[in-house]
Amino acid sequence: MGNLRAILLAFLASAVALQQCIVHASFIDSCYFYWGANRGKVTGPDSLDLRLDQYGGSGIASKVSYMYGSITMQIKLVPNNSAGTVTTFYLSSTGDQHDEIDFEFLGNVTGEPYTIHTNIYTKGFGKREQQFKPWFNAGDGYHNYTIFWNPYEVVWLVDDTPIRVFRNYHDSEINFPDSQPMNAYASLWNADQWATQGGRIKTDWSNAPFAAGLQNYRADACYCPNANSIGKCTSNNPANWWTDYKFFKLSDAQLGQMNWIRNNYMIYNYCTDTKRFNGESPKECSLPQY
């Protein structure tokens, strides 16, 4: 997490059996355009543009599925007037009872910040949104967006800084994404019916085509083609670096970083929206979050 890359490299140096389990993936190696291939554009060995025009958007998906690990994309969001557009980076399984871990970036008019929208679905149930305003210009350059996922927790990170945690409370009868391998996805699409200021601001198609840049995709994660392969990803051994106890929870330094972000840049938290849940909060909100 905070120093995740350095820790990962140490594990790589010592784990003899690592290549049997880990996927080190680039766009060219392991992703494909599942939608809008005629609009998206490969711009380099490990970079591409997602594009959106009046006729539709575009999206990529990983060719393989994962179960635990760290998956990162560097993303440069649509610059200037991005109102109505949504750029996404997420993990998802398939089916009505799917699991999903989301980053969604809701565009805005020129001069107004994006909204970083996060959510998690377990067994097909979501409604766990948390939203943030970025503390940087998200359309002015590339930033790292990471989903870290292990048997203990899910962590959303921006430029290696954690902004959100969802812990495993299966023992408290709260579902956790621990039984379904997930693919990685990214997309750019039009959602002007709701995305910007509740749908009041529409997409200005005179600015089309819109483009979001992706580069340096990294999936330091466990290859898991089906549910029968989950065991190899969950066993506690040096190859499965994400199961090490040091990743059981955030460090004190990471917790301080996250609390600073949440105190200064969080704009919505489902746990405090009791009106939405008939005067109550979801069960996990009453349990230690970090």
C-alpha atoms as a PDB file:
ATOM      1  CA  MET A   1       0.000   0.000   0.000  1.00  0.00           C
ATOM      2  CA  GLY A   2       1.820   3.257   0.983  1.00  0.00           C
ATOM      3  CA  ASN A   3       5.226   1.748   0.144  1.00  0.00           C
ATOM      4  CA  LEU A   4       3.656  -1.150  -1.679  1.00  0.00           C
ATOM      5  CA  ARG A   5       6.001  -1.187  -4.648  1.00  0.00           C
ATOM      6  CA  ALA A   6       9.168  -1.441  -2.535  1.00  0.00           C
ATOM      7  CA  ILE A   7       7.689  -4.207  -0.421  1.00  0.00           C
ATOM      8  CA  LEU A   8       6.529  -6.049  -3.510  1.00  0.00           C
ATOM      9  CA  LEU A   9      10.000  -5.938  -5.055  1.00  0.00           C
ATOM     10  CA  ALA A  10      11.462  -7.481  -1.932  1.00  0.00           C
ATOM     11  CA  PHE A  11       8.999 -10.331  -2.173  1.00  0.00           C
ATOM     12  CA  LEU A  12       9.744 -10.780  -5.867  1.00  0.00           C
ATOM     13  CA  ALA A  13      13.419 -11.166  -5.125  1.00  0.00           C
ATOM     14  CA  SER A  14      12.842 -13.926  -2.586  1.00  0.00           C
ATOM     15  CA  ALA A  15       9.822 -15.852  -3.872  1.00  0.00           C
ATOM     16  CA  VAL A  16      11.040 -18.728  -6.036  1.00  0.00           C
ATOM     17  CA  ALA A  17       7.603 -19.957  -6.996  1.00  0.00           C
ATOM     18  CA  LEU A  18       6.133 -16.551  -7.652  1.00  0.00           C
ATOM     19  CA  GLN A  19       5.781 -16.834 -11.414  1.00  0.00           C
ATOM     20  CA  GLN A  20       3.348 -19.714 -11.010  1.00  0.00           C
ATOM     21  CA  CYS A  21       0.882 -17.422  -9.290  1.00  0.00           C
ATOM     22  CA  ILE A  22       1.487 -13.761 -10.143  1.00  0.00           C
ATOM     23  CA  VAL A  23       0.466 -11.997 -13.327  1.00  0.00           C
ATOM     24  CA  HIS A  24       2.708  -9.055 -14.256  1.00  0.00           C
ATOM     25  CA  ALA A  25       0.639  -7.584 -17.029  1.00  0.00           C
ATOM     26  CA  SER A  26       0.764  -4.702 -19.480  1.00  0.00           C
ATOM     27  CA  PHE A  27      -2.022  -3.485 -21.762  1.00  0.00           C
ATOM     28  CA  ILE A  28      -0.495  -5.185 -24.772  1.00  0.00           C
ATOM     29  CA  ASP A  29       0.000  -8.465 -22.916  1.00  0.00           C
ATOM     30  CA  SER A  30      -3.339  -8.922 -21.254  1.00  0.00           C
ATOM     31  CA  CYS A  31      -6.028  -6.375 -22.152  1.00  0.00           C
ATOM     32  CA  TYR A  32      -8.355  -5.954 -25.115  1.00  0.00           C
ATOM     33  CA  PHE A  33     -11.026  -3.504 -26.248  1.00  0.00           C
ATOM     34  CA  TYR A  34     -14.320  -5.151 -25.339  1.00  0.00           C
ATOM     35  CA  TRP A  35     -16.233  -2.071 -26.490  1.00  0.00           C
ATOM     36  CA  GLY A  36     -15.603   0.782 -28.903  1.00  0.00           C
ATOM     37  CA  ALA A  37     -12.415  -0.614 -30.439  1.00  0.00           C
ATOM     38  CA  ASN A  38     -12.977   1.676 -33.429  1.00  0.00           C
ATOM     39  CA  ARG A  39     -12.839   4.691 -31.098  1.00  0.00           C
ATOM     40  CA  GLY A  40     -10.134   3.688 -28.608  1.00  0.00           C
ATOM     41  CA  LYS A  41      -6.531   3.998 -29.699  1.00  0.00           C
ATOM     42  CA  VAL A  42      -3.318   2.248 -28.653  1.00  0.00           C
ATOM     43  CA  THR A  43      -0.713   4.996 -28.296  1.00  0.00           C
ATOM     44  CA  GLY A  44       2.340   3.039 -27.141  1.00  0.00           C
ATOM     45  CA  PRO A  45       3.678  -0.289 -25.824  1.00  0.00           C
ATOM     46  CA  ASP A  46       1.842   0.232 -22.541  1.00  0.00           C
ATOM     47  CA  SER A  47      -0.491   3.149 -23.183  1.00  0.00           C
ATOM     48  CA  LEU A  48      -3.810   3.835 -24.867  1.00  0.00           C
ATOM     49  CA  ASP A  49      -6.603   6.366 -25.088  1.00  0.00           C
ATOM     50  CA  LEU A  50     -10.226   5.684 -24.301  1.00  0.00           C
ATOM     51  CA  ARG A  51     -12.424   7.920 -26.440  1.00  0.00           C
ATOM     52  CA  LEU A  52     -16.020   9.078 -26.393  1.00  0.00           C
ATOM     53  CA  ASP A  53     -18.073  10.765 -29.098  1.00  0.00           C
ATOM     54  CA  GLN A  54     -21.770  11.192 -29.887  1.00  0.00           C
ATOM     55  CA  TYR A  55     -21.947   7.604 -31.101  1.00  0.00           C
ATOM     56  CA  GLY A  56     -20.530   5.879 -28.042  1.00  0.00           C
ATOM     57  CA  GLY A  57     -17.596   5.333 -25.750  1.00  0.00           C
ATOM     58  CA  SER A  58     -14.934   2.682 -25.352  1.00  0.00           C
ATOM     59  CA  GLY A  59     -13.640   0.222 -22.804  1.00  0.00           C
ATOM     60  CA  ILE A  60     -10.946  -2.353 -22.124  1.00  0.00           C
ATOM     61  CA  ALA A  61     -10.942  -5.548 -20.085  1.00  0.00           C
ATOM     62  CA  SER A  62      -8.225  -7.875 -18.878  1.00  0.00           C
ATOM     63  CA  LYS A  63      -7.972 -11.201 -20.665  1.00  0.00           C
ATOM     64  CA  VAL A  64      -7.520 -13.008 -17.348  1.00  0.00           C
ATOM     65  CA  SER A  65      -9.179 -12.894 -13.955  1.00  0.00           C
ATOM     66  CA  TYR A  66      -7.511 -12.331 -10.603  1.00  0.00           C
ATOM     67  CA  MET A  67      -7.985 -13.245  -6.974  1.00  0.00           C
ATOM     68  CA  TYR A  68      -6.127 -10.889  -4.638  1.00  0.00           C
ATOM     69  CA  GLY A  69      -3.161  -8.632  -5.216  1.00  0.00           C
ATOM     70  CA  SER A  70      -2.554  -5.078  -6.389  1.00  0.00           C
ATOM     71  CA  ILE A  71      -3.871  -3.688  -9.677  1.00  0.00           C
ATOM     72  CA  THR A  72      -2.847  -0.204 -10.785  1.00  0.00           C
ATOM     73  CA  MET A  73      -3.575   2.060 -13.737  1.00  0.00           C
ATOM     74  CA  GLN A  74      -2.137   5.464 -14.399  1.00  0.00           C
ATOM     75  CA  ILE A  75      -5.004   7.579 -15.708  1.00  0.00           C
ATOM     76  CA  LYS A  76      -5.168  11.063 -17.158  1.00  0.00           C
ATOM     77  CA  LEU A  77      -8.823  12.037 -17.064  1.00  0.00           C
ATOM     78  CA  VAL A  78     -10.651  14.057 -19.712  1.00  0.00           C
ATOM     79  CA  PRO A  79      -9.267  17.617 -19.368  1.00  0.00           C
ATOM     80  CA  ASN A  80     -11.151  20.922 -19.303  1.00  0.00           C
ATOM     81  CA  ASN A  81     -14.927  20.580 -19.780  1.00  0.00           C
ATOM     82  CA  SER A  82     -15.559  16.933 -18.902  1.00  0.00           C
ATOM     83  CA  ALA A  83     -19.179  17.447 -17.789  1.00  0.00           C
ATOM     84  CA  GLY A  84     -21.390  14.430 -18.440  1.00  0.00           C
ATOM     85  CA  THR A  85     -18.509  12.007 -18.930  1.00  0.00           C
ATOM     86  CA  VAL A  86     -17.561   9.139 -16.646  1.00  0.00           C
ATOM     87  CA  THR A  87     -14.200   7.377 -16.688  1.00  0.00           C
ATOM     88  CA  THR A  88     -14.007   4.093 -14.790  1.00  0.00           C
ATOM     89  CA  PHE A  89     -11.427   1.666 -13.453  1.00  0.00           C
ATOM     90  CA  TYR A  90     -12.802  -1.340 -11.619  1.00  0.00           C
ATOM     91  CA  LEU A  91     -12.660  -5.057 -10.905  1.00  0.00           C
ATOM     92  CA  SER A  92     -15.714  -7.226 -11.450  1.00  0.00           C
ATOM     93  CA  SER A  93     -16.887 -10.805 -11.650  1.00  0.00           C
ATOM     94  CA  THR A  94     -19.938 -11.751 -13.703  1.00  0.00           C
ATOM     95  CA  GLY A  95     -23.533 -12.746 -13.011  1.00  0.00           C
ATOM     96  CA  ASP A  96     -26.400 -11.454 -10.888  1.00  0.00           C
ATOM     97  CA  GLN A  97     -24.487 -12.207  -7.672  1.00  0.00           C
ATOM     98  CA  HIS A  98     -21.310 -10.522  -8.850  1.00  0.00           C
ATOM     99  CA  ASP A  99     -18.589  -8.866  -6.794  1.00  0.00           C
ATOM    100  CA  GLU A 100     -17.192  -5.506  -7.909  1.00  0.00           C
ATOM    101  CA  ILE A 101     -14.709  -2.894  -6.653  1.00  0.00           C
ATOM    102  CA  ASP A 102     -15.078   0.524  -8.304  1.00  0.00           C
ATOM    103  CA  PHE A 103     -13.303   3.734  -9.107  1.00  0.00           C
ATOM    104  CA  GLU A 104     -15.562   6.043 -11.140  1.00  0.00           C
ATOM    105  CA  PHE A 105     -14.499   9.554 -12.084  1.00  0.00           C
ATOM    106  CA  LEU A 106     -17.413  11.898 -12.668  1.00  0.00           C
ATOM    107  CA  GLY A 107     -16.580  14.796 -14.978  1.00  0.00           C
ATOM    108  CA  ASN A 108     -17.345  18.456 -14.399  1.00  0.00           C
ATOM    109  CA  VAL A 109     -17.354  21.807 -16.141  1.00  0.00           C
ATOM    110  CA  THR A 110     -14.059  23.589 -16.719  1.00  0.00           C
ATOM    111  CA  GLY A 111     -12.599  24.875 -13.473  1.00  0.00           C
ATOM    112  CA  GLU A 112     -14.613  22.546 -11.242  1.00  0.00           C
ATOM    113  CA  PRO A 113     -13.042  19.373  -9.790  1.00  0.00           C
ATOM    114  CA  TYR A 114     -13.860  15.825 -10.712  1.00  0.00           C
ATOM    115  CA  THR A 115     -15.692  13.588  -8.256  1.00  0.00           C
ATOM    116  CA  ILE A 116     -13.858  10.400  -7.318  1.00  0.00           C
ATOM    117  CA  HIS A 117     -16.716   7.945  -6.784  1.00  0.00           C
ATOM    118  CA  THR A 118     -15.961   4.602  -5.086  1.00  0.00           C
ATOM    119  CA  ASN A 119     -18.235   1.639  -4.448  1.00  0.00           C
ATOM    120  CA  ILE A 120     -18.108  -2.063  -3.675  1.00  0.00           C
ATOM    121  CA  TYR A 121     -20.567  -4.822  -4.569  1.00  0.00           C
ATOM    122  CA  THR A 122     -20.695  -8.174  -2.785  1.00  0.00           C
ATOM    123  CA  LYS A 123     -22.989 -10.939  -3.993  1.00  0.00           C
ATOM    124  CA  GLY A 124     -24.695  -8.413  -6.263  1.00  0.00           C
ATOM    125  CA  PHE A 125     -25.366  -5.824  -3.533  1.00  0.00           C
ATOM    126  CA  GLY A 126     -23.777  -2.362  -3.682  1.00  0.00           C
ATOM    127  CA  LYS A 127     -25.073   0.913  -2.192  1.00  0.00           C
ATOM    128  CA  ARG A 128     -21.722   1.487  -0.444  1.00  0.00           C
ATOM    129  CA  GLU A 129     -20.662   4.686  -2.162  1.00  0.00           C
ATOM    130  CA  GLN A 130     -18.003   7.044  -0.849  1.00  0.00           C
ATOM    131  CA  GLN A 131     -17.021  10.139  -2.833  1.00  0.00           C
ATOM    132  CA  PHE A 132     -14.053  12.490  -2.765  1.00  0.00           C
ATOM    133  CA  LYS A 133     -12.859  15.647  -4.474  1.00  0.00           C
ATOM    134  CA  PRO A 134      -9.300  15.216  -5.785  1.00  0.00           C
ATOM    135  CA  TRP A 135      -6.542  17.321  -4.229  1.00  0.00           C
ATOM    136  CA  PHE A 136      -4.950  17.770  -7.681  1.00  0.00           C
ATOM    137  CA  ASN A 137      -6.024  18.515 -11.241  1.00  0.00           C
ATOM    138  CA  ALA A 138      -7.070  15.040 -12.398  1.00  0.00           C
ATOM    139  CA  GLY A 139      -7.101  16.038 -16.080  1.00  0.00           C
ATOM    140  CA  ASP A 140      -3.706  17.738 -16.081  1.00  0.00           C
ATOM    141  CA  GLY A 141      -1.511  14.643 -15.900  1.00  0.00           C
ATOM    142  CA  TYR A 142      -1.330  10.962 -15.039  1.00  0.00           C
ATOM    143  CA  HIS A 143      -2.014   9.709 -11.524  1.00  0.00           C
ATOM    144  CA  ASN A 144      -1.832   6.234 -10.029  1.00  0.00           C
ATOM    145  CA  TYR A 145      -5.109   4.584  -9.074  1.00  0.00           C
ATOM    146  CA  THR A 146      -4.745   1.266  -7.254  1.00  0.00           C
ATOM    147  CA  ILE A 147      -7.109  -1.398  -5.983  1.00  0.00           C
ATOM    148  CA  PHE A 148      -5.424  -3.569  -3.346  1.00  0.00           C
ATOM    149  CA  TRP A 149      -7.382  -6.664  -2.381  1.00  0.00           C
ATOM    150  CA  ASN A 150      -6.549  -9.503  -0.021  1.00  0.00           C
ATOM    151  CA  PRO A 151      -8.403 -11.856   2.359  1.00  0.00           C
ATOM    152  CA  TYR A 152      -8.455  -9.158   5.057  1.00  0.00           C
ATOM    153  CA  GLU A 153      -9.487  -5.957   3.294  1.00  0.00           C
ATOM    154  CA  VAL A 154     -10.000  -3.964   0.112  1.00  0.00           C
ATOM    155  CA  VAL A 155      -8.073  -0.681  -0.131  1.00  0.00           C
ATOM    156  CA  TRP A 156      -8.532   2.100  -2.704  1.00  0.00           C
ATOM    157  CA  LEU A 157      -5.360   4.173  -3.231  1.00  0.00           C
ATOM    158  CA  VAL A 158      -4.614   7.345  -5.182  1.00  0.00           C
ATOM    159  CA  ASP A 159      -0.927   7.998  -5.844  1.00  0.00           C
ATOM    160  CA  ASP A 160      -0.137   5.316  -3.237  1.00  0.00           C
ATOM    161  CA  THR A 161      -2.224   7.094  -0.595  1.00  0.00           C
ATOM    162  CA  PRO A 162      -5.143   5.053   0.796  1.00  0.00           C
ATOM    163  CA  ILE A 163      -8.488   6.832   0.685  1.00  0.00           C
ATOM    164  CA  ARG A 164     -10.849   4.032   1.672  1.00  0.00           C
ATOM    165  CA  VAL A 165     -10.907   0.574   3.298  1.00  0.00           C
ATOM    166  CA  PHE A 166     -13.550  -2.155   3.307  1.00  0.00           C
ATOM    167  CA  ARG A 167     -12.680  -4.871   5.826  1.00  0.00           C
ATOM    168  CA  ASN A 168     -13.593  -8.547   5.793  1.00  0.00           C
ATOM    169  CA  TYR A 169     -16.358  -9.076   8.327  1.00  0.00           C
ATOM    170  CA  HIS A 170     -17.661 -12.378   7.038  1.00  0.00           C
ATOM    171  CA  ASP A 171     -17.752 -13.610  10.651  1.00  0.00           C
ATOM    172  CA  SER A 172     -20.344 -10.879  11.258  1.00  0.00           C
ATOM    173  CA  GLU A 173     -22.418 -12.080   8.294  1.00  0.00           C
ATOM    174  CA  ILE A 174     -21.295  -9.242   6.026  1.00  0.00           C
ATOM    175  CA  ASN A 175     -20.370 -10.398   2.547  1.00  0.00           C
ATOM    176  CA  PHE A 176     -16.822  -9.838   1.313  1.00  0.00           C
ATOM    177  CA  PRO A 177     -15.403 -10.409  -2.199  1.00  0.00           C
ATOM    178  CA  ASP A 178     -13.543 -13.634  -1.401  1.00  0.00           C
ATOM    179  CA  SER A 179     -15.229 -16.270  -3.556  1.00  0.00           C
ATOM    180  CA  GLN A 180     -15.279 -14.909  -7.126  1.00  0.00           C
ATOM    181  CA  PRO A 181     -12.279 -14.108  -9.347  1.00  0.00           C
ATOM    182  CA  MET A 182     -12.559 -10.700 -11.017  1.00  0.00           C
ATOM    183  CA  ASN A 183     -11.350  -9.140 -14.248  1.00  0.00           C
ATOM    184  CA  ALA A 184     -10.028  -5.591 -14.512  1.00  0.00           C
ATOM    185  CA  TYR A 185     -11.900  -3.024 -16.618  1.00  0.00           C
ATOM    186  CA  ALA A 186     -11.616   0.614 -17.654  1.00  0.00           C
ATOM    187  CA  SER A 187     -14.081   2.630 -19.723  1.00  0.00           C
ATOM    188  CA  LEU A 188     -15.154   6.094 -20.840  1.00  0.00           C
ATOM    189  CA  TRP A 189     -18.845   6.737 -21.431  1.00  0.00           C
ATOM    190  CA  ASN A 190     -21.587   9.347 -21.399  1.00  0.00           C
ATOM    191  CA  ALA A 191     -23.740   9.611 -18.267  1.00  0.00           C
ATOM    192  CA  ASP A 192     -25.020  13.151 -18.476  1.00  0.00           C
ATOM    193  CA  GLN A 193     -28.422  12.094 -17.135  1.00  0.00           C
ATOM    194  CA  TRP A 194     -26.846  11.908 -13.643  1.00  0.00           C
ATOM    195  CA  ALA A 195     -23.067  12.322 -13.552  1.00  0.00           C
ATOM    196  CA  THR A 196     -22.551  16.100 -13.301  1.00  0.00           C
ATOM    197  CA  GLN A 197     -24.439  18.044 -10.659  1.00  0.00           C
ATOM    198  CA  GLY A 198     -27.227  15.493 -10.613  1.00  0.00           C
ATOM    199  CA  GLY A 199     -27.665  15.605 -14.383  1.00  0.00           C
ATOM    200  CA  ARG A 200     -28.249  19.355 -14.544  1.00  0.00           C
ATOM    201  CA  ILE A 201     -25.106  19.868 -16.650  1.00  0.00           C
ATOM    202  CA  LYS A 202     -25.125  17.974 -19.950  1.00  0.00           C
ATOM    203  CA  THR A 203     -22.304  16.806 -22.186  1.00  0.00           C
ATOM    204  CA  ASP A 204     -21.132  19.488 -24.616  1.00  0.00           C
ATOM    205  CA  TRP A 205     -20.617  17.472 -27.781  1.00  0.00           C
ATOM    206  CA  SER A 206     -18.838  20.373 -29.466  1.00  0.00           C
ATOM    207  CA  ASN A 207     -15.826  19.250 -27.372  1.00  0.00           C
ATOM    208  CA  ALA A 208     -15.964  15.683 -28.709  1.00  0.00           C
ATOM    209  CA  PRO A 209     -14.174  13.410 -29.090  1.00  0.00           C
ATOM    210  CA  PHE A 210     -13.269  13.249 -25.413  1.00  0.00           C
ATOM    211  CA  ALA A 211     -10.181  11.248 -24.450  1.00  0.00           C
ATOM    212  CA  ALA A 212      -8.903   9.704 -21.218  1.00  0.00           C
ATOM    213  CA  GLY A 213      -5.335   8.394 -21.262  1.00  0.00           C
ATOM    214  CA  LEU A 214      -4.276   5.132 -19.627  1.00  0.00           C
ATOM    215  CA  GLN A 215      -0.712   3.945 -19.151  1.00  0.00           C
ATOM    216  CA  ASN A 216       1.519   1.620 -17.133  1.00  0.00           C
ATOM    217  CA  TYR A 217      -1.124  -0.968 -16.239  1.00  0.00           C
ATOM    218  CA  ARG A 218       0.249  -3.251 -13.540  1.00  0.00           C
ATOM    219  CA  ALA A 219      -1.460  -6.358 -12.222  1.00  0.00           C
ATOM    220  CA  ASP A 220       0.722  -7.717  -9.419  1.00  0.00           C
ATOM    221  CA  ALA A 221      -2.021 -10.174  -8.651  1.00  0.00           C
ATOM    222  CA  CYS A 222      -2.876 -13.857  -8.531  1.00  0.00           C
ATOM    223  CA  TYR A 223      -4.014 -15.416 -11.802  1.00  0.00           C
ATOM    224  CA  CYS A 224      -7.262 -17.232 -11.078  1.00  0.00           C
ATOM    225  CA  PRO A 225      -9.104 -18.622 -14.121  1.00  0.00           C
ATOM    226  CA  ASN A 226     -12.052 -19.981 -12.104  1.00  0.00           C
ATOM    227  CA  ALA A 227     -13.372 -20.549  -8.598  1.00  0.00           C
ATOM    228  CA  ASN A 228     -11.552 -23.885  -8.407  1.00  0.00           C
ATOM    229  CA  SER A 229      -8.241 -21.999  -8.448  1.00  0.00           C
ATOM    230  CA  ILE A 230      -8.979 -19.725  -5.491  1.00  0.00           C
ATOM    231  CA  GLY A 231      -7.082 -21.925  -3.034  1.00  0.00           C
ATOM    232  CA  LYS A 232      -3.707 -21.182  -4.598  1.00  0.00           C
ATOM    233  CA  CYS A 233      -4.323 -17.452  -4.164  1.00  0.00           C
ATOM    234  CA  THR A 234      -5.426 -17.602  -0.533  1.00  0.00           C
ATOM    235  CA  SER A 235      -2.778 -19.893   0.947  1.00  0.00           C
ATOM    236  CA  ASN A 236      -0.395 -18.153   3.315  1.00  0.00           C
ATOM    237  CA  ASN A 237       3.021 -18.615   1.704  1.00  0.00           C
ATOM    238  CA  PRO A 238       5.823 -16.280   0.551  1.00  0.00           C
ATOM    239  CA  ALA A 239       4.613 -16.394  -3.056  1.00  0.00           C
ATOM    240  CA  ASN A 240       1.291 -14.916  -2.005  1.00  0.00           C
ATOM    241  CA  TRP A 241       2.810 -11.679  -0.707  1.00  0.00           C
ATOM    242  CA  TRP A 242      -0.638 -10.082  -0.142  1.00  0.00           C
ATOM    243  CA  THR A 243      -1.439 -12.616   2.610  1.00  0.00           C
ATOM    244  CA  ASP A 244       1.481 -11.511   4.785  1.00  0.00           C
ATOM    245  CA  TYR A 245       0.369 -10.221   8.166  1.00  0.00           C
ATOM    246  CA  LYS A 246       1.831  -6.780   7.441  1.00  0.00           C
ATOM    247  CA  PHE A 247      -1.086  -6.343   5.011  1.00  0.00           C
ATOM    248  CA  PHE A 248      -3.704  -7.255   7.605  1.00  0.00           C
ATOM    249  CA  LYS A 249      -4.447  -3.567   8.117  1.00  0.00           C
ATOM    250  CA  LEU A 250      -3.060  -0.130   7.331  1.00  0.00           C
ATOM    251  CA  SER A 251       0.083   1.033   9.068  1.00  0.00           C
ATOM    252  CA  ASP A 252      -0.152   3.986  11.429  1.00  0.00           C
ATOM    253  CA  ALA A 253       1.413   6.210   8.745  1.00  0.00           C
ATOM    254  CA  GLN A 254      -1.080   5.058   6.127  1.00  0.00           C
ATOM    255  CA  LEU A 255      -3.954   5.535   8.534  1.00  0.00           C
ATOM    256  CA  GLY A 256      -2.814   9.102   9.157  1.00  0.00           C
ATOM    257  CA  GLN A 257      -2.636   9.771   5.413  1.00  0.00           C
ATOM    258  CA  MET A 258      -6.085   8.337   4.823  1.00  0.00           C
ATOM    259  CA  ASN A 259      -7.701  10.222   7.685  1.00  0.00           C
ATOM    260  CA  TRP A 260      -6.267  13.479   6.342  1.00  0.00           C
ATOM    261  CA  ILE A 261      -7.791  12.795   2.915  1.00  0.00           C
ATOM    262  CA  ARG A 262     -11.132  11.774   4.388  1.00  0.00           C
ATOM    263  CA  ASN A 263     -11.287  14.774   6.728  1.00  0.00           C
ATOM    264  CA  ASN A 264     -10.485  17.249   3.966  1.00  0.00           C
ATOM    265  CA  TYR A 265     -11.754  15.794   0.683  1.00  0.00           C
ATOM    266  CA  MET A 266     -14.575  13.330   1.370  1.00  0.00           C
ATOM    267  CA  ILE A 267     -17.930  14.677   0.172  1.00  0.00           C
ATOM    268  CA  TYR A 268     -20.222  11.658   0.641  1.00  0.00           C
ATOM    269  CA  ASN A 269     -20.204   8.593   2.892  1.00  0.00           C
ATOM    270  CA  TYR A 270     -23.002   6.047   2.762  1.00  0.00           C
ATOM    271  CA  CYS A 271     -22.364   5.200   6.407  1.00  0.00           C
ATOM    272  CA  THR A 272     -23.605   8.624   7.520  1.00  0.00           C
ATOM    273  CA  ASP A 273     -26.578   8.790   5.134  1.00  0.00           C
ATOM    274  CA  THR A 274     -29.075   7.345   7.591  1.00  0.00           C
ATOM    275  CA  LYS A 275     -32.006   8.890   5.700  1.00  0.00           C
ATOM    276  CA  ARG A 276     -31.190   6.631   2.773  1.00  0.00           C
ATOM    277  CA  PHE A 277     -31.341   3.530   4.999  1.00  0.00           C
ATOM    278  CA  ASN A 278     -34.529   4.341   6.933  1.00  0.00           C
ATOM    279  CA  GLY A 279     -32.781   5.922   9.890  1.00  0.00           C
ATOM    280  CA  GLU A 280     -30.142   3.240  10.255  1.00  0.00           C
ATOM    281  CA  SER A 281     -26.668   2.508   8.889  1.00  0.00           C
ATOM    282  CA  PRO A 282     -25.468  -0.670   7.175  1.00  0.00           C
ATOM    283  CA  LYS A 283     -24.102  -3.199   9.647  1.00  0.00           C
ATOM    284  CA  GLU A 284     -20.449  -2.820   8.674  1.00  0.00           C
ATOM    285  CA  CYS A 285     -20.577   0.899   9.478  1.00  0.00           C
ATOM    286  CA  SER A 286     -20.851   0.144  13.198  1.00  0.00           C
ATOM    287  CA  LEU A 287     -17.695  -1.993  13.150  1.00  0.00           C
ATOM    288  CA  PRO A 288     -14.053  -0.796  13.139  1.00  0.00           C
ATOM    289  CA  GLN A 289     -13.372   0.266   9.558  1.00  0.00           C
ATOM    290  CA  TYR A 290      -9.570   0.363   9.549  1.00  0.00           C
END
